[in-house]
Amino acid sequence: MTPTADPGTVTKRLTPLRPTNPVAVDADAPARPVWAAALLSFVPAGLRDRADPWLTRLPVIAILVLQAVLTLRLHNVVFNDEGLYINAGHEYLRQFTGGAAAPDSYGGYFSGFPMAYPVFAALLDSVGGVGLVRLSSLLLMSVATLAVGHIGRRLAPAGQENRVRLVSMLAFVLTGAVLFVGNLATYDAACCRCSRSAPR
């Protein structure tokens, strides 16, 4: 006589295994790029939730670092316009502190409000010299790079927002004029920064 198996035992053997702690998946969340998933696999499991947002920002950080490296490699003597703005700022500061009045001629050929950028540049020059003034231009141009990426993302077709943002930022950073202005202690970088504050 052939022995028969207990039906309950067979059912238990055929029951599929289920994870004890299933991972919730957001269907509306954008797909993670392959490179980000690969880098995330090297991060300890307990730190992946914290590292994931930083990995998505890594391309933007890399572009800004590239901009800083390409700009800081430029070395040149003080340009005439740089000295003019900084000296005008110092004269305005002396006027504000009770010294001799600054010449009125600055308002005839300075763009915009003549006391704005020159005073700002003079304050930085008093602390760290022309190098610090140029560094402020680099920071302002970095903000302009982020603004270009934001504009590119808004104009991109659906599903291509991040790619268009990165390409537009990279194209902007590799422009010679952008690198030159980022190492120039004039008001040009401040004007580019104002594009970030323009109405959307």
C-alpha atoms as a PDB file:
ATOM      1  CA  MET A   1       0.000   0.000   0.000  1.00  0.00           C
ATOM      2  CA  THR A   2       1.448   3.401  -1.081  1.00  0.00           C
ATOM      3  CA  PRO A   3       1.716   5.844   1.812  1.00  0.00           C
ATOM      4  CA  THR A   4      -0.051   9.191   1.289  1.00  0.00           C
ATOM      5  CA  ALA A   5       1.325  12.522   2.438  1.00  0.00           C
ATOM      6  CA  ASP A   6      -0.522  14.751   4.821  1.00  0.00           C
ATOM      7  CA  PRO A   7      -2.281  17.502   2.803  1.00  0.00           C
ATOM      8  CA  GLY A   8      -1.342  20.078   5.426  1.00  0.00           C
ATOM      9  CA  THR A   9       2.328  19.226   5.030  1.00  0.00           C
ATOM     10  CA  VAL A  10       2.162  19.612   1.247  1.00  0.00           C
ATOM     11  CA  THR A  11       0.482  22.990   1.625  1.00  0.00           C
ATOM     12  CA  LYS A  12       3.203  24.188   3.967  1.00  0.00           C
ATOM     13  CA  ARG A  13       5.900  23.069   1.530  1.00  0.00           C
ATOM     14  CA  LEU A  14       4.281  24.930  -1.368  1.00  0.00           C
ATOM     15  CA  THR A  15       3.723  28.183   0.563  1.00  0.00           C
ATOM     16  CA  PRO A  16       5.944  30.881  -1.048  1.00  0.00           C
ATOM     17  CA  LEU A  17       8.437  32.681   1.094  1.00  0.00           C
ATOM     18  CA  ARG A  18       7.606  36.292   1.890  1.00  0.00           C
ATOM     19  CA  PRO A  19       9.948  38.941   3.265  1.00  0.00           C
ATOM     20  CA  THR A  20       9.362  39.745   6.888  1.00  0.00           C
ATOM     21  CA  ASN A  21      10.023  43.460   6.314  1.00  0.00           C
ATOM     22  CA  PRO A  22       8.877  44.388   2.821  1.00  0.00           C
ATOM     23  CA  VAL A  23      10.376  47.564   1.365  1.00  0.00           C
ATOM     24  CA  ALA A  24       7.835  50.200   0.416  1.00  0.00           C
ATOM     25  CA  VAL A  25       8.282  51.396  -3.167  1.00  0.00           C
ATOM     26  CA  ASP A  26       6.942  54.751  -4.263  1.00  0.00           C
ATOM     27  CA  ALA A  27       5.561  54.323  -7.760  1.00  0.00           C
ATOM     28  CA  ASP A  28       5.636  58.079  -8.366  1.00  0.00           C
ATOM     29  CA  ALA A  29       9.301  58.457  -7.375  1.00  0.00           C
ATOM     30  CA  PRO A  30      11.736  59.034 -10.277  1.00  0.00           C
ATOM     31  CA  ALA A  31      13.955  56.139 -11.213  1.00  0.00           C
ATOM     32  CA  ARG A  32      17.414  56.333  -9.682  1.00  0.00           C
ATOM     33  CA  PRO A  33      20.208  56.559 -12.299  1.00  0.00           C
ATOM     34  CA  VAL A  34      22.375  53.482 -12.734  1.00  0.00           C
ATOM     35  CA  TRP A  35      25.519  55.293 -11.590  1.00  0.00           C
ATOM     36  CA  ALA A  36      23.756  56.475  -8.417  1.00  0.00           C
ATOM     37  CA  ALA A  37      22.513  52.959  -7.651  1.00  0.00           C
ATOM     38  CA  ALA A  38      26.026  51.602  -8.166  1.00  0.00           C
ATOM     39  CA  LEU A  39      27.591  54.138  -5.800  1.00  0.00           C
ATOM     40  CA  LEU A  40      24.826  53.623  -3.276  1.00  0.00           C
ATOM     41  CA  SER A  41      25.595  49.901  -3.169  1.00  0.00           C
ATOM     42  CA  PHE A  42      28.991  50.687  -1.569  1.00  0.00           C
ATOM     43  CA  VAL A  43      27.373  52.682   1.242  1.00  0.00           C
ATOM     44  CA  PRO A  44      26.510  50.769   4.441  1.00  0.00           C
ATOM     45  CA  ALA A  45      22.838  49.844   4.579  1.00  0.00           C
ATOM     46  CA  GLY A  46      22.198  51.970   7.650  1.00  0.00           C
ATOM     47  CA  LEU A  47      23.472  55.130   5.934  1.00  0.00           C
ATOM     48  CA  ARG A  48      21.868  54.746   2.525  1.00  0.00           C
ATOM     49  CA  ASP A  49      18.801  56.810   3.365  1.00  0.00           C
ATOM     50  CA  ARG A  50      21.043  59.732   4.306  1.00  0.00           C
ATOM     51  CA  ALA A  51      23.451  59.274   1.402  1.00  0.00           C
ATOM     52  CA  ASP A  52      20.782  58.997  -1.303  1.00  0.00           C
ATOM     53  CA  PRO A  53      19.912  62.735  -1.439  1.00  0.00           C
ATOM     54  CA  TRP A  54      23.604  63.645  -1.651  1.00  0.00           C
ATOM     55  CA  LEU A  55      24.200  61.244  -4.521  1.00  0.00           C
ATOM     56  CA  THR A  56      21.494  62.927  -6.571  1.00  0.00           C
ATOM     57  CA  ARG A  57      23.277  66.260  -6.027  1.00  0.00           C
ATOM     58  CA  LEU A  58      26.700  64.864  -6.915  1.00  0.00           C
ATOM     59  CA  PRO A  59      26.654  65.908 -10.617  1.00  0.00           C
ATOM     60  CA  VAL A  60      25.729  69.486  -9.686  1.00  0.00           C
ATOM     61  CA  ILE A  61      28.511  69.588  -7.077  1.00  0.00           C
ATOM     62  CA  ALA A  62      30.982  68.225  -9.632  1.00  0.00           C
ATOM     63  CA  ILE A  63      30.054  70.950 -12.136  1.00  0.00           C
ATOM     64  CA  LEU A  64      30.494  73.678  -9.522  1.00  0.00           C
ATOM     65  CA  VAL A  65      33.862  72.239  -8.498  1.00  0.00           C
ATOM     66  CA  LEU A  66      34.906  72.180 -12.160  1.00  0.00           C
ATOM     67  CA  GLN A  67      33.904  75.816 -12.487  1.00  0.00           C
ATOM     68  CA  ALA A  68      35.942  76.751  -9.419  1.00  0.00           C
ATOM     69  CA  VAL A  69      39.033  74.870 -10.620  1.00  0.00           C
ATOM     70  CA  LEU A  70      38.916  76.344 -14.130  1.00  0.00           C
ATOM     71  CA  THR A  71      38.369  79.851 -12.744  1.00  0.00           C
ATOM     72  CA  LEU A  72      41.008  79.766 -10.006  1.00  0.00           C
ATOM     73  CA  ARG A  73      43.675  78.581 -12.426  1.00  0.00           C
ATOM     74  CA  LEU A  74      43.543  82.026 -14.075  1.00  0.00           C
ATOM     75  CA  HIS A  75      46.272  84.373 -12.849  1.00  0.00           C
ATOM     76  CA  ASN A  76      46.534  87.973 -13.982  1.00  0.00           C
ATOM     77  CA  VAL A  77      47.447  91.370 -12.605  1.00  0.00           C
ATOM     78  CA  VAL A  78      44.824  93.790 -11.362  1.00  0.00           C
ATOM     79  CA  PHE A  79      42.739  95.064 -14.260  1.00  0.00           C
ATOM     80  CA  ASN A  80      42.032  98.790 -14.631  1.00  0.00           C
ATOM     81  CA  ASP A  81      38.317  98.390 -13.952  1.00  0.00           C
ATOM     82  CA  GLU A  82      39.025  96.301 -10.854  1.00  0.00           C
ATOM     83  CA  GLY A  83      41.201  99.033  -9.370  1.00  0.00           C
ATOM     84  CA  LEU A  84      38.696 101.708 -10.351  1.00  0.00           C
ATOM     85  CA  TYR A  85      35.766 100.055  -8.571  1.00  0.00           C
ATOM     86  CA  ILE A  86      37.761  99.196  -5.459  1.00  0.00           C
ATOM     87  CA  ASN A  87      39.326 102.667  -5.158  1.00  0.00           C
ATOM     88  CA  ALA A  88      35.933 104.295  -5.663  1.00  0.00           C
ATOM     89  CA  GLY A  89      34.530 102.131  -2.893  1.00  0.00           C
ATOM     90  CA  HIS A  90      37.277 103.220  -0.509  1.00  0.00           C
ATOM     91  CA  GLU A  91      36.573 106.850  -1.330  1.00  0.00           C
ATOM     92  CA  TYR A  92      32.889 106.333  -0.597  1.00  0.00           C
ATOM     93  CA  LEU A  93      33.760 104.680   2.700  1.00  0.00           C
ATOM     94  CA  ARG A  94      35.946 107.631   3.684  1.00  0.00           C
ATOM     95  CA  GLN A  95      33.064 109.941   2.848  1.00  0.00           C
ATOM     96  CA  PHE A  96      30.667 107.878   4.970  1.00  0.00           C
ATOM     97  CA  THR A  97      33.046 108.040   7.941  1.00  0.00           C
ATOM     98  CA  GLY A  98      33.413 111.824   7.828  1.00  0.00           C
ATOM     99  CA  GLY A  99      36.332 112.125   5.413  1.00  0.00           C
ATOM    100  CA  ALA A 100      36.635 113.910   2.108  1.00  0.00           C
ATOM    101  CA  ALA A 101      33.720 113.627  -0.289  1.00  0.00           C
ATOM    102  CA  ALA A 102      34.040 111.184  -3.165  1.00  0.00           C
ATOM    103  CA  PRO A 103      34.072 112.647  -6.685  1.00  0.00           C
ATOM    104  CA  ASP A 104      30.672 113.005  -8.291  1.00  0.00           C
ATOM    105  CA  SER A 105      32.066 111.788 -11.602  1.00  0.00           C
ATOM    106  CA  TYR A 106      31.639 108.123 -10.599  1.00  0.00           C
ATOM    107  CA  GLY A 107      27.896 108.366 -11.118  1.00  0.00           C
ATOM    108  CA  GLY A 108      28.460 109.447 -14.715  1.00  0.00           C
ATOM    109  CA  TYR A 109      30.053 106.221 -15.954  1.00  0.00           C
ATOM    110  CA  PHE A 110      29.398 103.554 -13.298  1.00  0.00           C
ATOM    111  CA  SER A 111      26.561 101.211 -14.235  1.00  0.00           C
ATOM    112  CA  GLY A 112      23.573 101.202 -11.896  1.00  0.00           C
ATOM    113  CA  PHE A 113      23.813 102.651  -8.406  1.00  0.00           C
ATOM    114  CA  PRO A 114      27.463 103.791  -8.107  1.00  0.00           C
ATOM    115  CA  MET A 115      27.650 103.253  -4.339  1.00  0.00           C
ATOM    116  CA  ALA A 116      26.473  99.636  -4.381  1.00  0.00           C
ATOM    117  CA  TYR A 117      29.156  97.328  -5.752  1.00  0.00           C
ATOM    118  CA  PRO A 118      32.182  99.629  -5.181  1.00  0.00           C
ATOM    119  CA  VAL A 119      31.446  99.843  -1.455  1.00  0.00           C
ATOM    120  CA  PHE A 120      30.934  96.075  -1.267  1.00  0.00           C
ATOM    121  CA  ALA A 121      34.228  95.490  -3.113  1.00  0.00           C
ATOM    122  CA  ALA A 122      36.071  97.954  -0.884  1.00  0.00           C
ATOM    123  CA  LEU A 123      34.878  96.206   2.273  1.00  0.00           C
ATOM    124  CA  LEU A 124      36.115  92.869   0.958  1.00  0.00           C
ATOM    125  CA  ASP A 125      39.382  94.455  -0.158  1.00  0.00           C
ATOM    126  CA  SER A 126      39.925  95.788   3.361  1.00  0.00           C
ATOM    127  CA  VAL A 127      39.637  92.252   4.724  1.00  0.00           C
ATOM    128  CA  GLY A 128      41.352  90.050   2.133  1.00  0.00           C
ATOM    129  CA  GLY A 129      42.600  92.219  -0.697  1.00  0.00           C
ATOM    130  CA  VAL A 130      41.709  91.874  -4.353  1.00  0.00           C
ATOM    131  CA  GLY A 131      41.876  88.081  -4.048  1.00  0.00           C
ATOM    132  CA  LEU A 132      38.847  88.056  -1.763  1.00  0.00           C
ATOM    133  CA  VAL A 133      36.957  90.375  -4.108  1.00  0.00           C
ATOM    134  CA  ARG A 134      37.645  88.002  -6.984  1.00  0.00           C
ATOM    135  CA  LEU A 135      36.575  85.065  -4.859  1.00  0.00           C
ATOM    136  CA  SER A 136      33.233  86.784  -4.275  1.00  0.00           C
ATOM    137  CA  SER A 137      32.848  87.032  -8.056  1.00  0.00           C
ATOM    138  CA  LEU A 138      33.404  83.283  -8.320  1.00  0.00           C
ATOM    139  CA  LEU A 139      30.726  82.636  -5.698  1.00  0.00           C
ATOM    140  CA  LEU A 140      28.285  84.927  -7.512  1.00  0.00           C
ATOM    141  CA  MET A 141      28.974  83.171 -10.824  1.00  0.00           C
ATOM    142  CA  SER A 142      28.390  79.811  -9.141  1.00  0.00           C
ATOM    143  CA  VAL A 143      24.939  81.028  -8.133  1.00  0.00           C
ATOM    144  CA  ALA A 144      24.401  82.125 -11.739  1.00  0.00           C
ATOM    145  CA  THR A 145      25.305  78.593 -12.842  1.00  0.00           C
ATOM    146  CA  LEU A 146      22.598  77.206 -10.579  1.00  0.00           C
ATOM    147  CA  ALA A 147      20.170  79.712 -12.088  1.00  0.00           C
ATOM    148  CA  VAL A 148      21.018  78.514 -15.595  1.00  0.00           C
ATOM    149  CA  GLY A 149      20.333  74.938 -14.509  1.00  0.00           C
ATOM    150  CA  HIS A 150      17.010  75.985 -13.010  1.00  0.00           C
ATOM    151  CA  ILE A 151      15.969  77.702 -16.240  1.00  0.00           C
ATOM    152  CA  GLY A 152      17.015  74.685 -18.304  1.00  0.00           C
ATOM    153  CA  ARG A 153      15.020  72.386 -16.074  1.00  0.00           C
ATOM    154  CA  ARG A 154      11.885  74.496 -16.452  1.00  0.00           C
ATOM    155  CA  LEU A 155      12.204  74.577 -20.245  1.00  0.00           C
ATOM    156  CA  ALA A 156      13.028  70.877 -20.631  1.00  0.00           C
ATOM    157  CA  PRO A 157      10.488  68.368 -21.968  1.00  0.00           C
ATOM    158  CA  ALA A 158       8.849  65.997 -19.531  1.00  0.00           C
ATOM    159  CA  GLY A 159      11.180  63.276 -18.332  1.00  0.00           C
ATOM    160  CA  GLN A 160      14.355  65.120 -19.415  1.00  0.00           C
ATOM    161  CA  GLU A 161      14.464  67.804 -16.723  1.00  0.00           C
ATOM    162  CA  ASN A 162      17.546  66.607 -14.867  1.00  0.00           C
ATOM    163  CA  ARG A 163      19.530  65.854 -18.012  1.00  0.00           C
ATOM    164  CA  VAL A 164      18.800  69.250 -19.571  1.00  0.00           C
ATOM    165  CA  ARG A 165      19.666  70.986 -16.310  1.00  0.00           C
ATOM    166  CA  LEU A 166      23.087  69.339 -16.118  1.00  0.00           C
ATOM    167  CA  VAL A 167      23.896  69.900 -19.796  1.00  0.00           C
ATOM    168  CA  SER A 168      22.936  73.572 -19.609  1.00  0.00           C
ATOM    169  CA  MET A 169      25.014  74.085 -16.467  1.00  0.00           C
ATOM    170  CA  LEU A 170      28.032  72.363 -18.010  1.00  0.00           C
ATOM    171  CA  ALA A 171      27.764  74.394 -21.217  1.00  0.00           C
ATOM    172  CA  PHE A 172      27.561  77.592 -19.165  1.00  0.00           C
ATOM    173  CA  VAL A 173      30.568  76.664 -17.030  1.00  0.00           C
ATOM    174  CA  LEU A 174      32.745  75.845 -20.054  1.00  0.00           C
ATOM    175  CA  THR A 175      32.150  79.277 -21.573  1.00  0.00           C
ATOM    176  CA  GLY A 176      35.282  81.412 -21.558  1.00  0.00           C
ATOM    177  CA  ALA A 177      33.465  84.593 -20.588  1.00  0.00           C
ATOM    178  CA  VAL A 178      31.981  82.909 -17.515  1.00  0.00           C
ATOM    179  CA  LEU A 179      35.409  81.792 -16.313  1.00  0.00           C
ATOM    180  CA  PHE A 180      36.894  85.236 -16.998  1.00  0.00           C
ATOM    181  CA  VAL A 181      34.157  87.122 -15.135  1.00  0.00           C
ATOM    182  CA  GLY A 182      34.426  84.692 -12.212  1.00  0.00           C
ATOM    183  CA  ASN A 183      38.012  85.863 -11.706  1.00  0.00           C
ATOM    184  CA  LEU A 184      37.322  89.560 -12.196  1.00  0.00           C
ATOM    185  CA  ALA A 185      36.686  91.965  -9.302  1.00  0.00           C
ATOM    186  CA  THR A 186      34.032  94.019 -11.092  1.00  0.00           C
ATOM    187  CA  TYR A 187      30.249  94.315 -10.961  1.00  0.00           C
ATOM    188  CA  ASP A 188      29.731  91.870 -13.882  1.00  0.00           C
ATOM    189  CA  ALA A 189      29.424  88.819 -11.630  1.00  0.00           C
ATOM    190  CA  ALA A 190      26.905  90.630  -9.443  1.00  0.00           C
ATOM    191  CA  CYS A 191      24.784  91.364 -12.525  1.00  0.00           C
ATOM    192  CA  CYS A 192      24.807  87.660 -13.456  1.00  0.00           C
ATOM    193  CA  ARG A 193      23.800  86.835  -9.898  1.00  0.00           C
ATOM    194  CA  CYS A 194      20.740  89.080 -10.275  1.00  0.00           C
ATOM    195  CA  SER A 195      19.378  86.658 -12.879  1.00  0.00           C
ATOM    196  CA  ARG A 196      18.810  84.211 -10.007  1.00  0.00           C
ATOM    197  CA  SER A 197      16.468  86.746  -8.400  1.00  0.00           C
ATOM    198  CA  ALA A 198      14.518  87.511 -11.566  1.00  0.00           C
ATOM    199  CA  PRO A 199      10.740  86.860 -11.456  1.00  0.00           C
ATOM    200  CA  ARG A 200       9.770  83.339 -12.463  1.00  0.00           C
END
